[in-house]
């Protein structure tokens, strides 16, 4: 047989071939869909396309209220971020904050739980006044009010400490009003500027997440596709007649067998065409609060080649009032694909019959006695992707591992947690830095203060220091981490 050599194929042709294969594979996996369901999904792609913002690259991700962009962060800003983060990473091993539940694989470079607001201990300036004279530092912040209904959602002792950011009139830049907790303002001054620019960039995603989370806006996005109820196949054979059985027990079991075999009709596509895809959203207020940027990275080595994944969780408690999270996946090397999965609690549909457990499971995938939770799917977390989602969705990081097991690898992220704009929480605007080491270094870098303190005996300084209050050592801060 003579050798046959294929003709060189254009890149676009190869892409089209791959897309065709993926769509065909998806069709074969869509066991629960009929032709009208598939046609509806294909038609609504135009609606999703209209929701996409070309300037920021913001687009609806895998599921409602989740937005993503692969072009949100400019390459120049990413380069500056890598430089700033490298300075955070360059610390002694003993000072590194390895996540306790990660088998020494997750390193938190700036953690929101460190140096939190400790109720009845921390001092603060008055919220209702601009007076930031040191003599005004008399207020110990009190815990939020506990009730029977919210006691399991509130911490009686702590709250993460957010930073206020002021947005420019055009919404294109953000300025931190005061310091960022756990980020030294002098040692990391350039990184602070990078954070401000990253914050401004993420606002476009946050605006869309918040807008989608308001029920009145739901009609402007992609509407519900099907009628949310089930029905039975009328062509199925009739139920067994009681009069045909001498033994009532035999009729009972015959009826149960008929009931279990009774097919349901798939939920029908709603009448009318797919939605065009409109979006109405307001601007994030002139002030936004972020509890923190959280730079962290997963570090795999040949002796620990696999990260087993995280756990289902939302961010913070009611104390933090976090409305949305944003994650920027800025660097990865030698790791397999990772996914961020989502789930959320849901209400029982009105059409659900409590005794009809089998049909319920066939229609919604939830057994009659199960907790009502939807798991809509996952987003692939590739490098340079930004994802934003509401904090009503629990999320979970899937396992991933090294591609080449003989070499180390990593995945690096920066996470932003947006405080609900409608809820007031204390911030760094009124709460001074609590890091005792910052005050010590501040004195040492000020010639006047250093000269004055050098004249005092160490015993006198040790006596005065606890009386000033308002600070804690790293050991004290570590002891507070993870407690509620």
Protein backbone atom coordinates (compact mmCIF):
# COMPACT_ATOMS: atom_id res chain seq x y z
CA UNK A 1 0.00 0.00 0.00
CA UNK A 2 1.41 3.37 -0.98
CA UNK A 3 2.01 5.94 1.75
CA UNK A 4 -0.66 8.62 1.99
CA UNK A 5 0.27 12.07 3.35
CA UNK A 6 -2.46 14.44 4.48
CA UNK A 7 -2.59 17.99 3.16
CA UNK A 8 -1.68 20.68 5.68
CA UNK A 9 -4.84 21.96 7.37
CA UNK A 10 -5.41 25.57 8.43
CA UNK A 11 -5.49 26.36 12.16
CA UNK A 12 -9.07 27.59 11.95
CA UNK A 13 -10.07 24.29 10.31
CA UNK A 14 -8.47 22.39 13.19
CA UNK A 15 -10.30 24.56 15.72
CA UNK A 16 -13.61 23.98 13.93
CA UNK A 17 -12.97 20.24 13.92
CA UNK A 18 -12.28 20.22 17.65
CA UNK A 19 -15.38 22.30 18.36
CA UNK A 20 -17.50 19.99 16.24
CA UNK A 21 -16.20 16.96 18.13
CA UNK A 22 -16.83 18.57 21.50
CA UNK A 23 -20.38 19.50 20.54
CA UNK A 24 -21.09 16.00 19.23
CA UNK A 25 -19.74 14.50 22.42
CA UNK A 26 -21.85 16.88 24.49
CA UNK A 27 -24.94 15.88 22.52
CA UNK A 28 -24.38 12.18 23.23
CA UNK A 29 -24.00 12.94 26.94
CA UNK A 30 -27.20 14.99 27.08
CA UNK A 31 -29.32 11.95 27.93
CA UNK A 32 -32.05 13.97 29.65
CA UNK A 33 -32.55 16.44 26.82
CA UNK A 34 -34.80 16.26 23.81
CA UNK A 35 -34.25 18.03 20.51
CA UNK A 36 -36.20 21.15 21.53
CA UNK A 37 -34.05 21.50 24.66
CA UNK A 38 -30.86 21.33 22.60
CA UNK A 39 -32.17 23.77 19.99
CA UNK A 40 -33.12 26.24 22.71
CA UNK A 41 -29.61 26.11 24.19
CA UNK A 42 -28.03 26.70 20.79
CA UNK A 43 -30.32 29.67 20.09
CA UNK A 44 -29.64 31.34 23.43
CA UNK A 45 -25.92 31.51 22.69
CA UNK A 46 -26.70 34.77 20.89
CA UNK A 47 -28.16 36.11 24.12
CA UNK A 48 -25.03 35.23 26.06
CA UNK A 49 -22.92 36.90 23.39
CA UNK A 50 -24.85 40.15 23.87
CA UNK A 51 -24.11 40.05 27.59
CA UNK A 52 -20.37 39.96 26.97
CA UNK A 53 -18.46 43.19 27.59
CA UNK A 54 -15.71 43.59 25.01
CA UNK A 55 -13.77 46.18 27.02
CA UNK A 56 -13.25 44.02 30.11
CA UNK A 57 -13.87 40.60 28.59
CA UNK A 58 -16.55 40.03 31.26
CA UNK A 59 -18.93 37.25 30.30
CA UNK A 60 -21.36 34.89 31.96
CA UNK A 61 -19.48 31.83 33.13
CA UNK A 62 -20.74 28.30 33.68
CA UNK A 63 -23.86 29.29 35.63
CA UNK A 64 -26.07 32.22 36.56
CA UNK A 65 -24.50 34.99 38.67
CA UNK A 66 -20.97 33.68 37.98
CA UNK A 67 -18.89 35.93 35.74
CA UNK A 68 -15.42 35.51 34.30
CA UNK A 69 -12.85 37.21 32.11
CA UNK A 70 -9.61 35.95 30.60
CA UNK A 71 -8.45 39.42 29.52
CA UNK A 72 -9.32 41.57 32.55
CA UNK A 73 -5.76 42.09 33.81
CA UNK A 74 -3.17 43.73 31.56
CA UNK A 75 0.16 41.94 31.14
CA UNK A 76 2.03 44.95 32.55
CA UNK A 77 -0.07 44.89 35.73
CA UNK A 78 0.47 41.15 36.10
CA UNK A 79 4.24 41.66 35.84
CA UNK A 80 4.14 44.22 38.65
CA UNK A 81 2.00 41.84 40.72
CA UNK A 82 4.54 39.03 40.28
CA UNK A 83 7.30 41.36 41.48
CA UNK A 84 5.32 42.52 44.51
CA UNK A 85 4.25 39.01 45.47
CA UNK A 86 7.85 37.79 45.19
CA UNK A 87 8.74 40.20 47.99
CA UNK A 88 5.97 38.70 50.14
CA UNK A 89 7.26 35.20 49.43
CA UNK A 90 10.83 36.14 50.33
CA UNK A 91 10.53 35.71 54.09
CA UNK A 92 12.11 33.28 56.58
CA UNK A 93 10.56 29.80 56.58
CA UNK A 94 9.39 30.17 60.19
CA UNK A 95 7.31 33.22 59.25
CA UNK A 96 5.46 31.50 56.40
CA UNK A 97 1.75 30.92 57.02
CA UNK A 98 1.11 27.40 55.72
CA UNK A 99 -2.56 26.46 55.78
CA UNK A 100 -3.05 23.94 58.59
CA UNK A 101 -5.49 21.81 56.57
CA UNK A 102 -3.40 21.63 53.40
CA UNK A 103 -0.65 19.14 54.29
CA UNK A 104 1.90 21.93 53.91
CA UNK A 105 0.84 22.68 50.32
CA UNK A 106 -1.15 25.96 50.60
CA UNK A 107 0.81 29.05 51.58
CA UNK A 108 -1.22 32.13 52.56
CA UNK A 109 0.91 35.20 51.96
CA UNK A 110 -1.62 37.63 53.45
CA UNK A 111 -4.38 35.97 55.45
CA UNK A 112 -7.64 37.67 56.35
CA UNK A 113 -7.88 35.91 59.73
CA UNK A 114 -4.62 37.40 61.04
CA UNK A 115 -4.92 40.47 63.27
CA UNK A 116 -8.73 40.55 63.14
CA UNK A 117 -11.09 42.77 65.04
CA UNK A 118 -11.26 41.23 68.52
CA UNK A 119 -14.47 42.38 70.15
CA UNK A 120 -14.22 44.11 73.55
CA UNK A 121 -10.46 44.47 73.12
CA UNK A 122 -9.63 46.36 69.96
CA UNK A 123 -9.71 50.16 70.07
CA UNK A 124 -11.24 52.29 67.34
CA UNK A 125 -11.89 55.88 66.37
CA UNK A 126 -15.54 56.99 66.52
CA UNK A 127 -17.41 55.88 63.40
CA UNK A 128 -19.55 59.01 63.25
CA UNK A 129 -16.64 61.46 63.50
CA UNK A 130 -13.60 62.42 61.42
CA UNK A 131 -11.61 62.98 64.61
CA UNK A 132 -8.57 60.72 64.48
CA UNK A 133 -6.63 62.32 67.29
CA UNK A 134 -5.01 59.60 69.43
CA UNK A 135 -7.04 60.74 72.44
CA UNK A 136 -10.18 59.62 70.56
CA UNK A 137 -9.03 55.99 70.63
CA UNK A 138 -11.34 54.98 73.42
CA UNK A 139 -13.89 52.76 71.78
CA UNK A 140 -13.72 49.01 72.17
CA UNK A 141 -15.79 47.48 69.40
CA UNK A 142 -18.67 45.33 70.62
CA UNK A 143 -19.85 42.05 69.08
CA UNK A 144 -22.90 41.98 66.84
CA UNK A 145 -26.24 41.18 68.42
CA UNK A 146 -26.90 37.47 68.76
CA UNK A 147 -30.39 36.08 68.35
CA UNK A 148 -31.88 32.60 68.29
CA UNK A 149 -31.92 32.73 64.49
CA UNK A 150 -28.40 33.96 63.77
CA UNK A 151 -26.24 32.63 66.61
CA UNK A 152 -24.75 29.91 64.39
CA UNK A 153 -23.89 32.47 61.68
CA UNK A 154 -22.09 34.96 63.91
CA UNK A 155 -18.78 34.97 65.70
CA UNK A 156 -18.98 36.29 69.23
CA UNK A 157 -15.29 37.17 69.25
CA UNK A 158 -13.90 38.17 65.85
CA UNK A 159 -14.40 39.95 62.55
CA UNK A 160 -12.02 40.22 59.60
CA UNK A 161 -10.76 43.76 59.11
CA UNK A 162 -11.63 45.19 55.66
CA UNK A 163 -10.23 48.18 53.81
CA UNK A 164 -12.31 50.95 52.23
CA UNK A 165 -11.53 51.76 48.60
CA UNK A 166 -12.73 54.97 46.97
CA UNK A 167 -13.67 54.66 43.31
CA UNK A 168 -13.06 57.45 40.81
CA UNK A 169 -16.03 59.08 39.11
CA UNK A 170 -15.40 57.15 35.90
CA UNK A 171 -15.03 53.87 37.81
CA UNK A 172 -11.62 53.17 36.28
CA UNK A 173 -9.42 53.60 39.34
CA UNK A 174 -9.60 52.80 43.05
CA UNK A 175 -7.77 54.33 45.98
CA UNK A 176 -7.35 52.68 49.36
CA UNK A 177 -8.61 55.08 52.02
CA UNK A 178 -6.29 53.66 54.66
CA UNK A 179 -3.90 50.76 55.18
CA UNK A 180 -4.52 47.18 54.04
CA UNK A 181 -4.49 44.81 57.00
CA UNK A 182 -1.38 42.60 57.18
CA UNK A 183 0.33 44.44 54.31
CA UNK A 184 3.04 46.76 55.64
CA UNK A 185 2.38 50.20 54.09
CA UNK A 186 6.09 51.08 53.69
CA UNK A 187 7.67 47.73 52.87
CA UNK A 188 5.00 46.92 50.27
CA UNK A 189 4.05 50.37 49.00
CA UNK A 190 4.33 49.35 45.34
CA UNK A 191 2.26 46.21 45.88
CA UNK A 192 -0.43 48.37 47.45
CA UNK A 193 -0.67 50.36 44.19
CA UNK A 194 -0.98 47.10 42.27
CA UNK A 195 -3.79 46.00 44.57
CA UNK A 196 -5.64 49.25 43.96
CA UNK A 197 -5.45 48.67 40.20
CA UNK A 198 -6.54 45.03 40.57
CA UNK A 199 -9.46 46.17 42.71
CA UNK A 200 -10.57 48.68 40.09
CA UNK A 201 -10.36 46.01 37.39
CA UNK A 202 -12.51 43.55 39.36
CA UNK A 203 -15.28 46.10 39.90
CA UNK A 204 -16.73 45.36 36.46
CA UNK A 205 -17.19 41.71 37.47
CA UNK A 206 -18.54 42.58 40.91
CA UNK A 207 -21.11 44.97 39.42
CA UNK A 208 -22.52 42.19 37.28
CA UNK A 209 -22.55 39.64 40.09
CA UNK A 210 -24.39 42.03 42.42
CA UNK A 211 -26.86 43.02 39.70
CA UNK A 212 -27.65 39.37 38.93
CA UNK A 213 -28.13 38.69 42.64
CA UNK A 214 -31.06 41.14 42.84
CA UNK A 215 -34.21 39.19 42.04
CA UNK A 216 -35.83 42.13 40.20
CA UNK A 217 -32.99 42.02 37.68
CA UNK A 218 -33.35 38.33 36.87
CA UNK A 219 -35.62 38.99 33.89
CA UNK A 220 -32.89 40.96 32.16
CA UNK A 221 -30.40 38.11 32.09
CA UNK A 222 -30.94 34.57 30.80
CA UNK A 223 -34.39 33.56 31.94
CA UNK A 224 -35.50 30.19 33.30
CA UNK A 225 -35.52 27.80 30.37
CA UNK A 226 -38.05 25.15 31.39
CA UNK A 227 -41.28 24.81 33.35
CA UNK A 228 -40.12 23.85 36.84
CA UNK A 229 -42.39 20.86 37.41
CA UNK A 230 -42.83 17.31 36.28
CA UNK A 231 -45.70 15.37 34.75
CA UNK A 232 -46.42 11.75 33.97
CA UNK A 233 -46.48 10.06 30.60
CA UNK A 234 -50.19 9.71 29.82
CA UNK A 235 -49.50 6.87 27.39
CA UNK A 236 -48.27 4.57 30.14
CA UNK A 237 -50.42 1.56 30.95
CA UNK A 238 -53.21 2.17 33.52
CA UNK A 239 -52.67 1.23 37.17
CA UNK A 240 -53.70 -2.24 38.37
CA UNK A 241 -57.38 -2.47 39.31
CA UNK A 242 -58.06 -3.37 42.94
CA UNK A 243 -60.98 -5.61 41.90
CA UNK A 244 -58.60 -7.83 39.94
CA UNK A 245 -56.88 -9.00 43.14
CA UNK A 246 -58.17 -11.30 45.84
CA UNK A 247 -55.41 -10.34 48.27
CA UNK A 248 -55.13 -6.57 49.04
CA UNK A 249 -51.41 -7.07 49.71
CA UNK A 250 -50.89 -8.37 46.18
CA UNK A 251 -52.65 -5.28 44.81
CA UNK A 252 -50.45 -3.07 46.96
CA UNK A 253 -47.23 -4.57 45.59
CA UNK A 254 -48.55 -4.56 42.03
CA UNK A 255 -49.43 -0.89 42.37
CA UNK A 256 -45.95 -0.15 43.80
CA UNK A 257 -44.36 -1.90 40.83
CA UNK A 258 -46.54 0.09 38.41
CA UNK A 259 -45.71 3.31 40.25
CA UNK A 260 -41.97 2.64 40.13
CA UNK A 261 -42.15 1.96 36.41
CA UNK A 262 -44.34 4.93 35.57
CA UNK A 263 -42.28 7.23 33.32
CA UNK A 264 -42.24 10.99 33.67
CA UNK A 265 -42.24 13.54 30.88
CA UNK A 266 -39.21 15.79 30.80
CA UNK A 267 -39.86 19.44 31.74
CA UNK A 268 -40.90 21.29 28.61
CA UNK A 269 -39.07 24.29 27.21
CA UNK A 270 -40.99 27.47 27.98
CA UNK A 271 -42.99 28.85 25.10
CA UNK A 272 -41.42 31.62 23.07
CA UNK A 273 -37.89 31.98 21.82
CA UNK A 274 -34.74 32.12 23.89
CA UNK A 275 -33.96 35.41 25.61
CA UNK A 276 -32.00 38.07 23.76
CA UNK A 277 -29.76 38.68 26.73
CA UNK A 278 -30.05 42.10 28.29
CA UNK A 279 -28.30 43.37 31.36
CA UNK A 280 -28.97 46.25 33.69
CA UNK A 281 -26.51 46.94 36.47
CA UNK A 282 -25.57 49.89 38.63
CA UNK A 283 -22.16 51.11 39.60
CA UNK A 284 -20.54 49.92 42.81
CA UNK A 285 -20.79 52.77 45.31
CA UNK A 286 -18.03 55.35 45.57
CA UNK A 287 -16.74 53.29 48.52
CA UNK A 288 -16.24 49.56 48.41
CA UNK A 289 -14.91 47.41 51.21
CA UNK A 290 -12.59 44.49 50.69
CA UNK A 291 -11.72 42.43 53.77
CA UNK A 292 -8.50 41.69 52.06
CA UNK A 293 -6.67 40.70 49.02
CA UNK A 294 -5.57 37.17 49.78
CA UNK A 295 -2.50 36.12 47.81
CA UNK A 296 -1.93 32.40 48.21
CA UNK A 297 -0.40 29.58 46.28
CA UNK A 298 -0.60 25.83 46.14
CA UNK A 299 2.88 24.33 46.11
CA UNK A 300 3.47 20.76 44.95
CA UNK A 301 6.77 18.93 45.19
CA UNK A 302 7.88 15.46 44.05
CA UNK A 303 7.31 14.15 47.59
CA UNK A 304 3.85 15.80 47.71
CA UNK A 305 2.76 15.71 44.05
CA UNK A 306 -1.03 15.89 44.56
CA UNK A 307 -3.29 18.45 46.22
CA UNK A 308 -6.42 16.68 47.41
CA UNK A 309 -8.70 19.69 47.04
CA UNK A 310 -10.61 21.87 49.45
CA UNK A 311 -13.95 21.67 51.22
CA UNK A 312 -17.34 23.21 50.49
CA UNK A 313 -17.54 26.67 52.06
CA UNK A 314 -18.64 30.27 51.79
CA UNK A 315 -16.35 33.12 52.81
CA UNK A 316 -16.64 34.51 56.31
CA UNK A 317 -19.68 34.78 58.56
CA UNK A 318 -22.33 37.45 59.03
CA UNK A 319 -19.68 39.47 60.86
CA UNK A 320 -17.84 39.94 57.55
CA UNK A 321 -21.02 40.39 55.43
CA UNK A 322 -19.24 39.27 52.28
CA UNK A 323 -21.47 39.65 49.23
CA UNK A 324 -19.16 38.35 46.51
CA UNK A 325 -15.75 36.83 45.92
CA UNK A 326 -13.32 37.46 43.09
CA UNK A 327 -10.35 35.23 42.26
CA UNK A 328 -7.50 36.03 39.88
CA UNK A 329 -5.46 33.00 38.77
CA UNK A 330 -2.27 34.76 37.83
CA UNK A 331 0.39 32.06 37.68
CA UNK A 332 0.65 28.29 37.27
CA UNK A 333 3.39 25.87 36.40
CA UNK A 334 3.56 22.07 35.95
CA UNK A 335 0.07 21.32 37.31
CA UNK A 336 -2.93 19.55 35.85
CA UNK A 337 -6.26 21.25 35.22
CA UNK A 338 -8.08 22.51 38.30
CA UNK A 339 -11.73 23.33 38.72
CA UNK A 340 -13.77 25.51 41.04
CA UNK A 341 -17.08 23.79 41.75
CA UNK A 342 -20.25 25.44 43.06
CA UNK A 343 -23.36 24.43 44.95
CA UNK A 344 -26.22 26.28 46.61
CA UNK A 345 -29.19 25.59 48.84
CA UNK A 346 -32.55 25.79 47.06
CA UNK A 347 -36.25 25.87 47.88
CA UNK A 348 -38.49 22.92 47.15
CA UNK A 349 -40.48 23.49 43.94
CA UNK A 350 -44.17 24.15 44.48
CA UNK A 351 -45.05 21.18 42.29
CA UNK A 352 -43.09 18.74 44.45
CA UNK A 353 -45.19 16.02 46.06
CA UNK A 354 -43.54 14.96 49.30
CA UNK A 355 -44.47 11.29 48.87
CA UNK A 356 -43.23 11.20 45.28
CA UNK A 357 -39.55 10.63 46.03
CA UNK A 358 -38.68 8.72 42.85
CA UNK A 359 -40.07 11.34 40.46
CA UNK A 360 -38.40 14.05 42.51
CA UNK A 361 -35.04 12.35 42.08
CA UNK A 362 -35.57 11.86 38.34
CA UNK A 363 -36.57 15.50 37.81
CA UNK A 364 -34.30 17.42 40.19
CA UNK A 365 -31.70 14.82 41.13
CA UNK A 366 -32.66 15.12 44.79
CA UNK A 367 -34.25 12.38 46.87
CA UNK A 368 -37.32 13.14 48.94
CA UNK A 369 -35.36 13.04 52.20
CA UNK A 370 -32.22 14.72 50.86
CA UNK A 371 -31.14 18.25 51.64
CA UNK A 372 -32.26 20.52 48.79
CA UNK A 373 -28.96 21.50 47.19
CA UNK A 374 -28.19 22.16 43.53
CA UNK A 375 -24.69 21.53 42.18
CA UNK A 376 -24.71 23.39 38.85
CA UNK A 377 -21.16 22.53 37.87
CA UNK A 378 -17.71 24.04 37.80
CA UNK A 379 -15.45 26.63 36.19
CA UNK A 380 -12.04 25.64 34.85
CA UNK A 381 -9.49 27.85 36.62
CA UNK A 382 -6.84 28.42 33.99
CA UNK A 383 -4.02 30.95 34.17
CA UNK A 384 -4.99 34.64 33.69
CA UNK A 385 -8.67 33.92 34.36
CA UNK A 386 -10.64 36.11 36.77
CA UNK A 387 -13.82 34.69 38.30
CA UNK A 388 -16.41 36.47 40.44
CA UNK A 389 -19.43 34.90 42.13
CA UNK A 390 -21.93 35.64 44.91
CA UNK A 391 -21.16 34.41 48.40
CA UNK A 392 -24.49 32.56 48.54
CA UNK A 393 -22.78 29.88 46.44
CA UNK A 394 -20.57 27.45 48.29
CA UNK A 395 -17.42 26.68 46.36
CA UNK A 396 -14.81 23.94 46.40
CA UNK A 397 -11.38 23.60 44.80
CA UNK A 398 -11.00 20.27 43.02
CA UNK A 399 -7.87 18.10 43.33
CA UNK A 400 -4.94 18.62 40.98
CA UNK A 401 -1.40 17.31 40.75
CA UNK A 402 1.97 17.69 39.11
CA UNK A 403 2.22 16.95 35.41
CA UNK A 404 5.89 16.01 35.66
CA UNK A 405 6.23 14.27 39.03
CA UNK A 406 10.00 14.83 39.08
CA UNK A 407 9.68 18.63 39.19
CA UNK A 408 7.91 21.06 41.55
CA UNK A 409 4.86 23.04 40.45
CA UNK A 410 2.46 25.68 41.70
CA UNK A 411 -0.81 27.54 41.18
CA UNK A 412 -1.02 31.12 42.46
CA UNK A 413 -4.10 33.22 43.10
CA UNK A 414 -5.21 36.54 44.52
CA UNK A 415 -8.66 36.50 46.11
CA UNK A 416 -10.84 39.56 46.75
CA UNK A 417 -13.80 39.48 49.14
CA UNK A 418 -16.36 42.26 48.65
CA UNK A 419 -18.32 43.44 51.69
CA UNK A 420 -22.03 43.95 51.05
CA UNK A 421 -22.33 47.64 50.07
CA UNK A 422 -25.63 47.88 51.97
CA UNK A 423 -24.15 46.72 55.30
CA UNK A 424 -21.80 48.76 57.46
CA UNK A 425 -18.79 47.06 59.01
CA UNK A 426 -15.79 48.59 60.82
CA UNK A 427 -12.70 48.92 58.64
CA UNK A 428 -9.09 50.09 58.67
CA UNK A 429 -10.43 53.63 58.25
CA UNK A 430 -11.32 53.69 61.95
CA UNK A 431 -9.30 50.77 63.36
CA UNK A 432 -5.55 51.50 63.63
CA UNK A 433 -2.97 48.83 62.78
CA UNK A 434 -2.68 46.18 65.49
CA UNK A 435 0.66 44.69 64.44
CA UNK A 436 3.02 45.33 67.35
CA UNK A 437 5.99 44.83 65.04
CA UNK A 438 4.77 47.68 62.82
CA UNK A 439 4.80 50.09 65.74
CA UNK A 440 8.27 48.98 66.76
CA UNK A 441 9.62 49.37 63.22
CA UNK A 442 7.86 52.74 62.92
CA UNK A 443 9.63 54.02 66.00
CA UNK A 444 12.99 52.75 64.76
CA UNK A 445 12.61 54.52 61.40
CA UNK A 446 11.64 57.85 63.02
CA UNK A 447 14.83 59.59 64.27
CA UNK A 448 12.97 61.75 66.81
CA UNK A 449 11.00 58.88 68.35
CA UNK A 450 13.96 56.53 68.26
CA UNK A 451 16.14 59.10 70.02
CA UNK A 452 13.55 59.57 72.75
CA UNK A 453 13.04 55.83 73.31
CA UNK A 454 16.80 55.17 73.31
CA UNK A 455 17.05 57.38 76.39
CA UNK A 456 14.64 55.14 78.31
CA UNK A 457 15.67 52.02 80.15
CA UNK A 458 14.29 48.78 78.64
CA UNK A 459 12.42 48.11 81.87
CA UNK A 460 10.52 51.39 81.52
CA UNK A 461 9.62 50.66 77.89
CA UNK A 462 8.39 47.19 78.85
CA UNK A 463 6.27 48.80 81.58
CA UNK A 464 4.77 51.47 79.30
CA UNK A 465 4.14 49.30 76.26
CA UNK A 466 1.20 47.23 77.61
CA UNK A 467 -0.48 50.40 78.84
CA UNK A 468 -0.76 51.83 75.33
CA UNK A 469 -2.89 48.90 74.14
CA UNK A 470 -4.33 48.36 70.69
CA UNK A 471 -1.66 45.98 69.41
CA UNK A 472 -0.87 42.29 69.51
CA UNK A 473 2.15 40.16 68.73
CA UNK A 474 2.25 37.67 65.85
CA UNK A 475 1.96 34.85 68.38
CA UNK A 476 -1.26 36.37 69.74
CA UNK A 477 -2.61 36.88 66.22
CA UNK A 478 -1.85 33.27 65.31
CA UNK A 479 -3.69 32.11 68.43
CA UNK A 480 -6.83 33.92 67.24
CA UNK A 481 -6.75 32.38 63.76
CA UNK A 482 -9.52 29.87 63.21
CA UNK A 483 -11.39 30.52 66.45
CA UNK A 484 -14.97 31.81 66.47
